[in-house]
Amino acid sequence: MGETVKIGVTSNLRKPMAEQLLHQLGRAAKRHGLQMYAAAETAALLGGLGHVLEDDWPADLDALLVLGGDGTLLRTAHDLGGRDVPVLGVNCGSLGFLTSVAAEDLDYAVDCLISGDYRVGERVLADCRLIRAGRQDTRFTALNDVVVSNSGAARMATLRVTIGEHVVADFLCDGLILATPTGSTGHALSAGGPIIEPASPVFVICPICCHTLSTRPLVVADRRTVTLDVIHCTAEKMWLTVDGQTGIPLSDTDRLVFQRAPKTVHLIHLPGSNYFDVLRQKLHWRGTNL
């Protein structure tokens, strides 16, 4: 990094620890002479040190620090719009697969950012297009997953999955999850999907409550295009949800096209951190006691 380190800060101020951590970060910024950028309310909690964002993040940020849970980091990734800014998540939430730095390690994290003592890992983004009446209606980018599910009514939908030009199956189910490796530890995991190492070049297709015992989650190469057609929906509404952030009602004949996006998200990992340690800590894996 250059002489003056420029760090963007975003936070979920509803988290109980957020205000305390922002005060702590403000003191560290003053101590090290950092340039901080944040929205007005967050900047005020940094002790007035933060440059208030007028519109968007500066193009020359060295790093973007996220204080919150995984949802906060997912929103931040969307806001970046594929720009090449490394992101470091500090966990103020409950689980924290993406915001993997513990709150008590905030000062250490700042020291690592200043010294450049960290590594950056790439996370694949998925491009999702909603096609209605043969025309593109909306386009989204997902870091975690795209979920199609019913509106809460105990009614089924028929969803057709096609990979490339090949129809896989028509699923009678409550919904379906299309997940990136990053999203494999999210909604897909709770629906019985596999855990995928983040660097793996694959997607996960995971039906929700499918009415057949033979159905299993499917892992496919991320160079493939996955198409999901709503054949028939008996619930009042089916919903498309992208990274838990955006919800759009779906109806019969709607089509989703899901493929790897050209951009990626860059996540900062501190020294000694690795994905399998995070899995053991977050999922409480203990192995076998012999």
C-alpha atoms as a PDB file:
ATOM      1  CA  MET A   1       0.000   0.000   0.000  1.00  0.00           C
ATOM      2  CA  GLY A   2       1.023   3.609  -0.460  1.00  0.00           C
ATOM      3  CA  GLU A   3       2.074   6.120   2.219  1.00  0.00           C
ATOM      4  CA  THR A   4      -1.470   7.146   3.094  1.00  0.00           C
ATOM      5  CA  VAL A   5      -3.716   4.149   3.436  1.00  0.00           C
ATOM      6  CA  LYS A   6      -7.272   4.771   2.217  1.00  0.00           C
ATOM      7  CA  ILE A   7      -9.915   2.541   3.773  1.00  0.00           C
ATOM      8  CA  GLY A   8     -13.639   2.527   3.143  1.00  0.00           C
ATOM      9  CA  VAL A   9     -15.849   1.531   6.052  1.00  0.00           C
ATOM     10  CA  THR A  10     -19.391   0.217   5.979  1.00  0.00           C
ATOM     11  CA  SER A  11     -21.316  -1.124   8.949  1.00  0.00           C
ATOM     12  CA  ASN A  12     -24.610  -2.525  10.108  1.00  0.00           C
ATOM     13  CA  LEU A  13     -25.438  -0.070  12.861  1.00  0.00           C
ATOM     14  CA  ARG A  14     -28.201  -2.334  14.154  1.00  0.00           C
ATOM     15  CA  LYS A  15     -25.597  -4.787  15.439  1.00  0.00           C
ATOM     16  CA  PRO A  16     -24.979  -4.351  19.198  1.00  0.00           C
ATOM     17  CA  MET A  17     -21.180  -4.101  18.839  1.00  0.00           C
ATOM     18  CA  ALA A  18     -21.099  -1.832  15.791  1.00  0.00           C
ATOM     19  CA  GLU A  19     -20.873   1.517  17.588  1.00  0.00           C
ATOM     20  CA  GLN A  20     -18.134   0.304  19.943  1.00  0.00           C
ATOM     21  CA  LEU A  21     -16.092  -1.111  17.058  1.00  0.00           C
ATOM     22  CA  LEU A  22     -16.431   2.084  15.015  1.00  0.00           C
ATOM     23  CA  HIS A  23     -15.143   4.139  17.954  1.00  0.00           C
ATOM     24  CA  GLN A  24     -12.237   1.695  18.253  1.00  0.00           C
ATOM     25  CA  LEU A  25     -11.570   1.917  14.513  1.00  0.00           C
ATOM     26  CA  GLY A  26     -11.625   5.729  14.687  1.00  0.00           C
ATOM     27  CA  ARG A  27      -8.939   5.689  17.374  1.00  0.00           C
ATOM     28  CA  ALA A  28      -6.807   3.318  15.265  1.00  0.00           C
ATOM     29  CA  ALA A  29      -7.259   5.565  12.214  1.00  0.00           C
ATOM     30  CA  LYS A  30      -6.091   8.595  14.166  1.00  0.00           C
ATOM     31  CA  ARG A  31      -3.142   6.680  15.600  1.00  0.00           C
ATOM     32  CA  HIS A  32      -1.955   5.509  12.165  1.00  0.00           C
ATOM     33  CA  GLY A  33      -2.957   8.534  10.076  1.00  0.00           C
ATOM     34  CA  LEU A  34      -5.396   6.596   7.900  1.00  0.00           C
ATOM     35  CA  GLN A  35      -7.820   8.158   5.454  1.00  0.00           C
ATOM     36  CA  MET A  36     -11.276   6.744   6.100  1.00  0.00           C
ATOM     37  CA  TYR A  37     -14.366   6.964   3.893  1.00  0.00           C
ATOM     38  CA  ALA A  38     -17.885   6.165   5.072  1.00  0.00           C
ATOM     39  CA  ALA A  39     -21.527   7.180   4.881  1.00  0.00           C
ATOM     40  CA  ALA A  40     -22.479  10.075   7.176  1.00  0.00           C
ATOM     41  CA  GLU A  41     -23.795   8.115  10.174  1.00  0.00           C
ATOM     42  CA  THR A  42     -20.870   5.695  10.148  1.00  0.00           C
ATOM     43  CA  ALA A  43     -18.347   8.535   9.626  1.00  0.00           C
ATOM     44  CA  ALA A  44     -19.684  10.332  12.706  1.00  0.00           C
ATOM     45  CA  LEU A  45     -19.016   7.252  14.848  1.00  0.00           C
ATOM     46  CA  LEU A  46     -15.413   7.172  13.592  1.00  0.00           C
ATOM     47  CA  GLY A  47     -14.820  10.315  15.637  1.00  0.00           C
ATOM     48  CA  GLY A  48     -15.337  12.657  12.703  1.00  0.00           C
ATOM     49  CA  LEU A  49     -12.295  11.222  10.902  1.00  0.00           C
ATOM     50  CA  GLY A  50     -14.207   9.649   8.048  1.00  0.00           C
ATOM     51  CA  HIS A  51     -14.656  11.473   4.751  1.00  0.00           C
ATOM     52  CA  VAL A  52     -18.394  11.435   4.136  1.00  0.00           C
ATOM     53  CA  LEU A  53     -19.323   9.717   0.892  1.00  0.00           C
ATOM     54  CA  GLU A  54     -21.227  11.992  -1.437  1.00  0.00           C
ATOM     55  CA  ASP A  55     -22.078   9.330  -3.991  1.00  0.00           C
ATOM     56  CA  ASP A  56     -19.842   6.284  -4.389  1.00  0.00           C
ATOM     57  CA  TRP A  57     -16.648   4.726  -3.079  1.00  0.00           C
ATOM     58  CA  PRO A  58     -13.418   6.417  -4.272  1.00  0.00           C
ATOM     59  CA  ALA A  59     -11.691   4.585  -7.117  1.00  0.00           C
ATOM     60  CA  ASP A  60      -8.336   4.449  -5.260  1.00  0.00           C
ATOM     61  CA  LEU A  61      -9.411   2.701  -2.042  1.00  0.00           C
ATOM     62  CA  ASP A  62      -6.788   0.318  -0.669  1.00  0.00           C
ATOM     63  CA  ALA A  63      -9.385  -1.777   1.138  1.00  0.00           C
ATOM     64  CA  LEU A  64     -13.009  -1.827   2.222  1.00  0.00           C
ATOM     65  CA  LEU A  65     -13.711  -2.790   5.836  1.00  0.00           C
ATOM     66  CA  VAL A  66     -17.136  -4.298   6.576  1.00  0.00           C
ATOM     67  CA  LEU A  67     -18.421  -4.366  10.167  1.00  0.00           C
ATOM     68  CA  GLY A  68     -21.489  -6.586  10.455  1.00  0.00           C
ATOM     69  CA  GLY A  69     -22.625 -10.037   9.464  1.00  0.00           C
ATOM     70  CA  ASP A  70     -22.535 -11.927   6.181  1.00  0.00           C
ATOM     71  CA  GLY A  71     -25.622 -10.045   4.977  1.00  0.00           C
ATOM     72  CA  THR A  72     -23.771  -6.735   5.353  1.00  0.00           C
ATOM     73  CA  LEU A  73     -20.861  -8.077   3.328  1.00  0.00           C
ATOM     74  CA  LEU A  74     -23.194  -9.382   0.623  1.00  0.00           C
ATOM     75  CA  ARG A  75     -24.799  -5.934   0.302  1.00  0.00           C
ATOM     76  CA  THR A  76     -21.352  -4.363   0.124  1.00  0.00           C
ATOM     77  CA  ALA A  77     -20.274  -6.764  -2.628  1.00  0.00           C
ATOM     78  CA  HIS A  78     -23.342  -5.711  -4.648  1.00  0.00           C
ATOM     79  CA  ASP A  79     -22.569  -2.024  -4.074  1.00  0.00           C
ATOM     80  CA  LEU A  80     -19.015  -2.482  -5.380  1.00  0.00           C
ATOM     81  CA  GLY A  81     -20.417  -3.624  -8.711  1.00  0.00           C
ATOM     82  CA  GLY A  82     -17.431  -5.839  -9.524  1.00  0.00           C
ATOM     83  CA  ARG A  83     -14.748  -3.188  -8.834  1.00  0.00           C
ATOM     84  CA  ASP A  84     -11.342  -4.515  -7.849  1.00  0.00           C
ATOM     85  CA  VAL A  85     -11.323  -3.417  -4.178  1.00  0.00           C
ATOM     86  CA  PRO A  86     -10.291  -6.005  -1.561  1.00  0.00           C
ATOM     87  CA  VAL A  87     -12.876  -6.465   1.202  1.00  0.00           C
ATOM     88  CA  LEU A  88     -12.262  -7.443   4.829  1.00  0.00           C
ATOM     89  CA  GLY A  89     -15.223  -8.535   6.945  1.00  0.00           C
ATOM     90  CA  VAL A  90     -15.256  -8.146  10.733  1.00  0.00           C
ATOM     91  CA  ASN A  91     -18.000 -10.243  12.304  1.00  0.00           C
ATOM     92  CA  CYS A  92     -20.568  -8.478  14.465  1.00  0.00           C
ATOM     93  CA  GLY A  93     -23.225 -11.071  13.666  1.00  0.00           C
ATOM     94  CA  SER A  94     -23.832 -14.655  14.675  1.00  0.00           C
ATOM     95  CA  LEU A  95     -22.297 -17.064  12.153  1.00  0.00           C
ATOM     96  CA  GLY A  96     -19.954 -15.141   9.878  1.00  0.00           C
ATOM     97  CA  PHE A  97     -18.551 -17.337   7.085  1.00  0.00           C
ATOM     98  CA  LEU A  98     -17.662 -14.262   4.997  1.00  0.00           C
ATOM     99  CA  THR A  99     -17.043 -11.833   7.870  1.00  0.00           C
ATOM    100  CA  SER A 100     -14.553 -14.233   9.376  1.00  0.00           C
ATOM    101  CA  VAL A 101     -12.418 -11.790  11.429  1.00  0.00           C
ATOM    102  CA  ALA A 102     -13.499 -11.795  15.076  1.00  0.00           C
ATOM    103  CA  ALA A 103     -14.453  -8.429  16.596  1.00  0.00           C
ATOM    104  CA  GLU A 104     -11.660  -8.699  19.178  1.00  0.00           C
ATOM    105  CA  ASP A 105      -9.108  -8.886  16.356  1.00  0.00           C
ATOM    106  CA  LEU A 106     -10.047  -5.500  14.837  1.00  0.00           C
ATOM    107  CA  ASP A 107      -6.809  -3.724  15.854  1.00  0.00           C
ATOM    108  CA  TYR A 108      -4.751  -6.638  14.513  1.00  0.00           C
ATOM    109  CA  ALA A 109      -6.722  -6.485  11.257  1.00  0.00           C
ATOM    110  CA  VAL A 110      -5.953  -2.752  10.889  1.00  0.00           C
ATOM    111  CA  ASP A 111      -2.237  -3.444  11.496  1.00  0.00           C
ATOM    112  CA  CYS A 112      -2.307  -6.085   8.761  1.00  0.00           C
ATOM    113  CA  LEU A 113      -3.995  -3.702   6.323  1.00  0.00           C
ATOM    114  CA  ILE A 114      -1.369  -1.035   6.971  1.00  0.00           C
ATOM    115  CA  SER A 115       1.581  -3.426   6.589  1.00  0.00           C
ATOM    116  CA  GLY A 116       0.076  -5.320   3.654  1.00  0.00           C
ATOM    117  CA  ASP A 117       0.453  -8.536   5.632  1.00  0.00           C
ATOM    118  CA  TYR A 118      -2.524 -10.404   4.211  1.00  0.00           C
ATOM    119  CA  ARG A 119      -3.568 -12.381   1.164  1.00  0.00           C
ATOM    120  CA  VAL A 120      -6.475 -11.818  -1.177  1.00  0.00           C
ATOM    121  CA  GLY A 121      -8.753 -14.617  -2.367  1.00  0.00           C
ATOM    122  CA  GLU A 122     -11.086 -14.398  -5.348  1.00  0.00           C
ATOM    123  CA  ARG A 123     -14.739 -15.359  -5.035  1.00  0.00           C
ATOM    124  CA  VAL A 124     -16.780 -16.133  -8.129  1.00  0.00           C
ATOM    125  CA  LEU A 125     -19.881 -14.077  -8.904  1.00  0.00           C
ATOM    126  CA  ALA A 126     -22.888 -15.475 -10.755  1.00  0.00           C
ATOM    127  CA  ASP A 127     -24.818 -13.552 -13.375  1.00  0.00           C
ATOM    128  CA  CYS A 128     -28.590 -14.111 -13.256  1.00  0.00           C
ATOM    129  CA  ARG A 129     -31.014 -12.923 -15.929  1.00  0.00           C
ATOM    130  CA  LEU A 130     -34.789 -13.016 -15.568  1.00  0.00           C
ATOM    131  CA  ILE A 131     -36.485 -13.609 -18.925  1.00  0.00           C
ATOM    132  CA  ARG A 132     -40.196 -12.802 -19.305  1.00  0.00           C
ATOM    133  CA  ALA A 133     -42.215 -13.249 -22.489  1.00  0.00           C
ATOM    134  CA  GLY A 134     -38.966 -13.966 -24.326  1.00  0.00           C
ATOM    135  CA  ARG A 135     -37.322 -10.695 -23.288  1.00  0.00           C
ATOM    136  CA  GLN A 136     -34.808  -9.863 -20.560  1.00  0.00           C
ATOM    137  CA  ASP A 137     -36.667  -8.248 -17.676  1.00  0.00           C
ATOM    138  CA  THR A 138     -34.038  -7.888 -14.941  1.00  0.00           C
ATOM    139  CA  ARG A 139     -30.384  -8.758 -14.395  1.00  0.00           C
ATOM    140  CA  PHE A 140     -28.638  -9.484 -11.090  1.00  0.00           C
ATOM    141  CA  THR A 141     -25.242 -10.474  -9.754  1.00  0.00           C
ATOM    142  CA  ALA A 142     -25.015 -13.000  -6.902  1.00  0.00           C
ATOM    143  CA  LEU A 143     -22.082 -13.786  -4.619  1.00  0.00           C
ATOM    144  CA  ASN A 144     -23.974 -16.440  -2.623  1.00  0.00           C
ATOM    145  CA  ASP A 145     -27.031 -17.772  -4.372  1.00  0.00           C
ATOM    146  CA  VAL A 146     -30.223 -17.352  -6.307  1.00  0.00           C
ATOM    147  CA  VAL A 147     -33.253 -18.923  -4.628  1.00  0.00           C
ATOM    148  CA  VAL A 148     -36.657 -19.616  -6.157  1.00  0.00           C
ATOM    149  CA  SER A 149     -39.237 -20.531  -3.508  1.00  0.00           C
ATOM    150  CA  ASN A 150     -42.940 -20.375  -2.772  1.00  0.00           C
ATOM    151  CA  SER A 151     -44.547 -17.580  -0.764  1.00  0.00           C
ATOM    152  CA  GLY A 152     -44.949 -19.696   2.366  1.00  0.00           C
ATOM    153  CA  ALA A 153     -47.995 -21.631   1.212  1.00  0.00           C
ATOM    154  CA  ALA A 154     -47.633 -25.410   1.464  1.00  0.00           C
ATOM    155  CA  ARG A 155     -47.986 -25.822  -2.296  1.00  0.00           C
ATOM    156  CA  MET A 156     -45.624 -27.164  -4.872  1.00  0.00           C
ATOM    157  CA  ALA A 157     -44.182 -25.813  -8.101  1.00  0.00           C
ATOM    158  CA  THR A 158     -42.842 -27.567 -11.168  1.00  0.00           C
ATOM    159  CA  LEU A 159     -39.393 -26.220 -12.069  1.00  0.00           C
ATOM    160  CA  ARG A 160     -37.396 -27.398 -15.071  1.00  0.00           C
ATOM    161  CA  VAL A 161     -33.584 -27.349 -14.928  1.00  0.00           C
ATOM    162  CA  THR A 162     -31.570 -27.295 -18.139  1.00  0.00           C
ATOM    163  CA  ILE A 163     -27.757 -27.374 -18.318  1.00  0.00           C
ATOM    164  CA  GLY A 164     -26.473 -26.040 -21.602  1.00  0.00           C
ATOM    165  CA  GLU A 165     -28.900 -27.545 -24.106  1.00  0.00           C
ATOM    166  CA  HIS A 166     -29.704 -30.617 -22.027  1.00  0.00           C
ATOM    167  CA  VAL A 167     -32.812 -30.883 -19.835  1.00  0.00           C
ATOM    168  CA  VAL A 168     -31.882 -32.375 -16.451  1.00  0.00           C
ATOM    169  CA  ALA A 169     -35.364 -32.859 -14.959  1.00  0.00           C
ATOM    170  CA  ASP A 170     -38.694 -31.311 -14.032  1.00  0.00           C
ATOM    171  CA  PHE A 171     -38.731 -30.995 -10.237  1.00  0.00           C
ATOM    172  CA  LEU A 172     -41.990 -30.974  -8.250  1.00  0.00           C
ATOM    173  CA  CYS A 173     -40.739 -29.084  -5.216  1.00  0.00           C
ATOM    174  CA  ASP A 174     -41.043 -26.100  -2.874  1.00  0.00           C
ATOM    175  CA  GLY A 175     -38.260 -24.308  -4.718  1.00  0.00           C
ATOM    176  CA  LEU A 176     -34.683 -24.525  -5.905  1.00  0.00           C
ATOM    177  CA  ILE A 177     -31.314 -23.001  -5.012  1.00  0.00           C
ATOM    178  CA  LEU A 178     -28.557 -22.137  -7.483  1.00  0.00           C
ATOM    179  CA  ALA A 179     -25.415 -21.459  -5.439  1.00  0.00           C
ATOM    180  CA  THR A 180     -21.809 -20.465  -5.986  1.00  0.00           C
ATOM    181  CA  PRO A 181     -19.087 -22.167  -3.901  1.00  0.00           C
ATOM    182  CA  THR A 182     -19.302 -19.194  -1.515  1.00  0.00           C
ATOM    183  CA  GLY A 183     -23.051 -19.773  -1.178  1.00  0.00           C
ATOM    184  CA  SER A 184     -22.654 -23.494  -0.545  1.00  0.00           C
ATOM    185  CA  THR A 185     -22.447 -22.763   3.205  1.00  0.00           C
ATOM    186  CA  GLY A 186     -25.608 -20.631   3.094  1.00  0.00           C
ATOM    187  CA  HIS A 187     -29.153 -21.584   2.153  1.00  0.00           C
ATOM    188  CA  ALA A 188     -27.944 -24.557   0.088  1.00  0.00           C
ATOM    189  CA  LEU A 189     -26.267 -26.129   3.134  1.00  0.00           C
ATOM    190  CA  SER A 190     -29.478 -25.952   5.180  1.00  0.00           C
ATOM    191  CA  ALA A 191     -31.334 -27.605   2.266  1.00  0.00           C
ATOM    192  CA  GLY A 192     -28.937 -30.570   2.283  1.00  0.00           C
ATOM    193  CA  GLY A 193     -26.375 -29.355  -0.254  1.00  0.00           C
ATOM    194  CA  PRO A 194     -22.622 -30.089  -0.158  1.00  0.00           C
ATOM    195  CA  ILE A 195     -19.930 -27.787   1.188  1.00  0.00           C
ATOM    196  CA  ILE A 196     -17.750 -26.543  -1.679  1.00  0.00           C
ATOM    197  CA  GLU A 197     -14.251 -25.120  -1.259  1.00  0.00           C
ATOM    198  CA  PRO A 198     -14.409 -21.487  -2.487  1.00  0.00           C
ATOM    199  CA  ALA A 199     -11.767 -21.918  -5.225  1.00  0.00           C
ATOM    200  CA  SER A 200     -13.673 -24.782  -6.878  1.00  0.00           C
ATOM    201  CA  PRO A 201     -14.918 -23.869 -10.405  1.00  0.00           C
ATOM    202  CA  VAL A 202     -18.447 -25.217  -9.861  1.00  0.00           C
ATOM    203  CA  PHE A 203     -22.062 -24.323  -9.099  1.00  0.00           C
ATOM    204  CA  VAL A 204     -24.523 -26.199  -6.858  1.00  0.00           C
ATOM    205  CA  ILE A 205     -28.117 -26.957  -7.899  1.00  0.00           C
ATOM    206  CA  CYS A 206     -30.180 -27.858  -4.839  1.00  0.00           C
ATOM    207  CA  PRO A 207     -33.943 -28.580  -5.002  1.00  0.00           C
ATOM    208  CA  ILE A 208     -35.938 -27.699  -1.871  1.00  0.00           C
ATOM    209  CA  CYS A 209     -38.274 -30.400  -0.471  1.00  0.00           C
ATOM    210  CA  CYS A 210     -38.526 -32.299  -3.741  1.00  0.00           C
ATOM    211  CA  HIS A 211     -41.306 -34.936  -4.047  1.00  0.00           C
ATOM    212  CA  THR A 212     -39.055 -37.831  -4.999  1.00  0.00           C
ATOM    213  CA  LEU A 213     -36.553 -39.802  -2.948  1.00  0.00           C
ATOM    214  CA  SER A 214     -34.105 -40.045  -5.851  1.00  0.00           C
ATOM    215  CA  THR A 215     -33.400 -36.301  -6.063  1.00  0.00           C
ATOM    216  CA  ARG A 216     -30.014 -35.147  -4.817  1.00  0.00           C
ATOM    217  CA  PRO A 217     -28.097 -31.857  -5.046  1.00  0.00           C
ATOM    218  CA  LEU A 218     -26.116 -31.569  -8.278  1.00  0.00           C
ATOM    219  CA  VAL A 219     -22.650 -30.018  -8.708  1.00  0.00           C
ATOM    220  CA  VAL A 220     -21.848 -28.714 -12.203  1.00  0.00           C
ATOM    221  CA  ALA A 221     -18.902 -26.920 -13.795  1.00  0.00           C
ATOM    222  CA  ASP A 222     -19.262 -23.141 -13.618  1.00  0.00           C
ATOM    223  CA  ARG A 223     -18.469 -22.834 -17.327  1.00  0.00           C
ATOM    224  CA  ARG A 224     -21.964 -24.244 -17.901  1.00  0.00           C
ATOM    225  CA  THR A 225     -25.111 -22.144 -18.263  1.00  0.00           C
ATOM    226  CA  VAL A 226     -27.946 -23.281 -15.986  1.00  0.00           C
ATOM    227  CA  THR A 227     -31.500 -22.400 -17.040  1.00  0.00           C
ATOM    228  CA  LEU A 228     -34.463 -22.626 -14.674  1.00  0.00           C
ATOM    229  CA  ASP A 229     -37.998 -22.507 -16.112  1.00  0.00           C
ATOM    230  CA  VAL A 230     -41.116 -22.038 -13.987  1.00  0.00           C
ATOM    231  CA  ILE A 231     -43.371 -24.625 -15.651  1.00  0.00           C
ATOM    232  CA  HIS A 232     -46.229 -24.425 -13.189  1.00  0.00           C
ATOM    233  CA  CYS A 233     -46.730 -22.622  -9.913  1.00  0.00           C
ATOM    234  CA  THR A 234     -49.647 -23.605  -7.649  1.00  0.00           C
ATOM    235  CA  ALA A 235     -48.738 -21.231  -4.815  1.00  0.00           C
ATOM    236  CA  GLU A 236     -50.039 -17.662  -4.891  1.00  0.00           C
ATOM    237  CA  LYS A 237     -46.555 -16.478  -5.725  1.00  0.00           C
ATOM    238  CA  MET A 238     -43.087 -17.842  -6.336  1.00  0.00           C
ATOM    239  CA  TRP A 239     -40.252 -15.532  -5.379  1.00  0.00           C
ATOM    240  CA  LEU A 240     -36.808 -15.000  -6.807  1.00  0.00           C
ATOM    241  CA  THR A 241     -34.347 -13.948  -4.105  1.00  0.00           C
ATOM    242  CA  VAL A 242     -30.772 -12.935  -4.891  1.00  0.00           C
ATOM    243  CA  ASP A 243     -28.270 -13.183  -2.001  1.00  0.00           C
ATOM    244  CA  GLY A 244     -31.168 -12.687   0.410  1.00  0.00           C
ATOM    245  CA  GLN A 245     -31.259  -9.031  -0.654  1.00  0.00           C
ATOM    246  CA  THR A 246     -33.601  -8.694  -3.629  1.00  0.00           C
ATOM    247  CA  GLY A 247     -37.013 -10.304  -4.010  1.00  0.00           C
ATOM    248  CA  ILE A 248     -39.097 -10.452  -7.210  1.00  0.00           C
ATOM    249  CA  PRO A 249     -42.375 -12.366  -7.721  1.00  0.00           C
ATOM    250  CA  LEU A 250     -42.320 -15.043 -10.414  1.00  0.00           C
ATOM    251  CA  SER A 251     -45.081 -16.646 -12.442  1.00  0.00           C
ATOM    252  CA  ASP A 252     -45.559 -19.441 -14.970  1.00  0.00           C
ATOM    253  CA  THR A 253     -43.303 -19.276 -18.066  1.00  0.00           C
ATOM    254  CA  ASP A 254     -40.687 -17.086 -16.331  1.00  0.00           C
ATOM    255  CA  ARG A 255     -37.129 -18.195 -17.016  1.00  0.00           C
ATOM    256  CA  LEU A 256     -33.863 -17.669 -15.103  1.00  0.00           C
ATOM    257  CA  VAL A 257     -30.488 -17.939 -16.812  1.00  0.00           C
ATOM    258  CA  PHE A 258     -27.620 -18.478 -14.366  1.00  0.00           C
ATOM    259  CA  GLN A 259     -23.941 -18.396 -15.377  1.00  0.00           C
ATOM    260  CA  ARG A 260     -20.533 -17.275 -14.188  1.00  0.00           C
ATOM    261  CA  ALA A 261     -20.065 -13.496 -14.220  1.00  0.00           C
ATOM    262  CA  PRO A 262     -16.914 -11.923 -15.717  1.00  0.00           C
ATOM    263  CA  LYS A 263     -16.141 -10.053 -12.465  1.00  0.00           C
ATOM    264  CA  THR A 264     -15.106 -11.486  -9.085  1.00  0.00           C
ATOM    265  CA  VAL A 265     -15.094 -10.307  -5.463  1.00  0.00           C
ATOM    266  CA  HIS A 266     -11.751 -10.063  -3.639  1.00  0.00           C
ATOM    267  CA  LEU A 267     -11.817 -11.023   0.048  1.00  0.00           C
ATOM    268  CA  ILE A 268      -8.926 -10.284   2.400  1.00  0.00           C
ATOM    269  CA  HIS A 269      -7.621 -13.108   4.613  1.00  0.00           C
ATOM    270  CA  LEU A 270      -5.364 -12.379   7.570  1.00  0.00           C
ATOM    271  CA  PRO A 271      -2.186 -14.413   8.273  1.00  0.00           C
ATOM    272  CA  GLY A 272      -2.911 -17.890   9.614  1.00  0.00           C
ATOM    273  CA  SER A 273      -6.513 -17.852   8.423  1.00  0.00           C
ATOM    274  CA  ASN A 274      -7.762 -20.711   6.277  1.00  0.00           C
ATOM    275  CA  TYR A 275     -11.141 -21.917   5.061  1.00  0.00           C
ATOM    276  CA  PHE A 276     -11.094 -25.237   6.898  1.00  0.00           C
ATOM    277  CA  ASP A 277     -10.401 -23.570  10.244  1.00  0.00           C
ATOM    278  CA  VAL A 278     -13.465 -21.397   9.621  1.00  0.00           C
ATOM    279  CA  LEU A 279     -15.572 -24.487   8.864  1.00  0.00           C
ATOM    280  CA  ARG A 280     -14.450 -26.218  12.057  1.00  0.00           C
ATOM    281  CA  GLN A 281     -15.185 -23.141  14.158  1.00  0.00           C
ATOM    282  CA  LYS A 282     -18.504 -22.177  12.605  1.00  0.00           C
ATOM    283  CA  LEU A 283     -19.946 -25.682  12.165  1.00  0.00           C
ATOM    284  CA  HIS A 284     -18.462 -27.019  15.420  1.00  0.00           C
ATOM    285  CA  TRP A 285     -16.767 -29.996  13.777  1.00  0.00           C
ATOM    286  CA  ARG A 286     -15.029 -32.104  16.372  1.00  0.00           C
ATOM    287  CA  GLY A 287     -14.152 -35.276  14.481  1.00  0.00           C
ATOM    288  CA  THR A 288     -14.340 -38.710  16.084  1.00  0.00           C
ATOM    289  CA  ASN A 289     -13.317 -39.316  19.694  1.00  0.00           C
ATOM    290  CA  LEU A 290     -11.444 -42.646  19.795  1.00  0.00           C
END
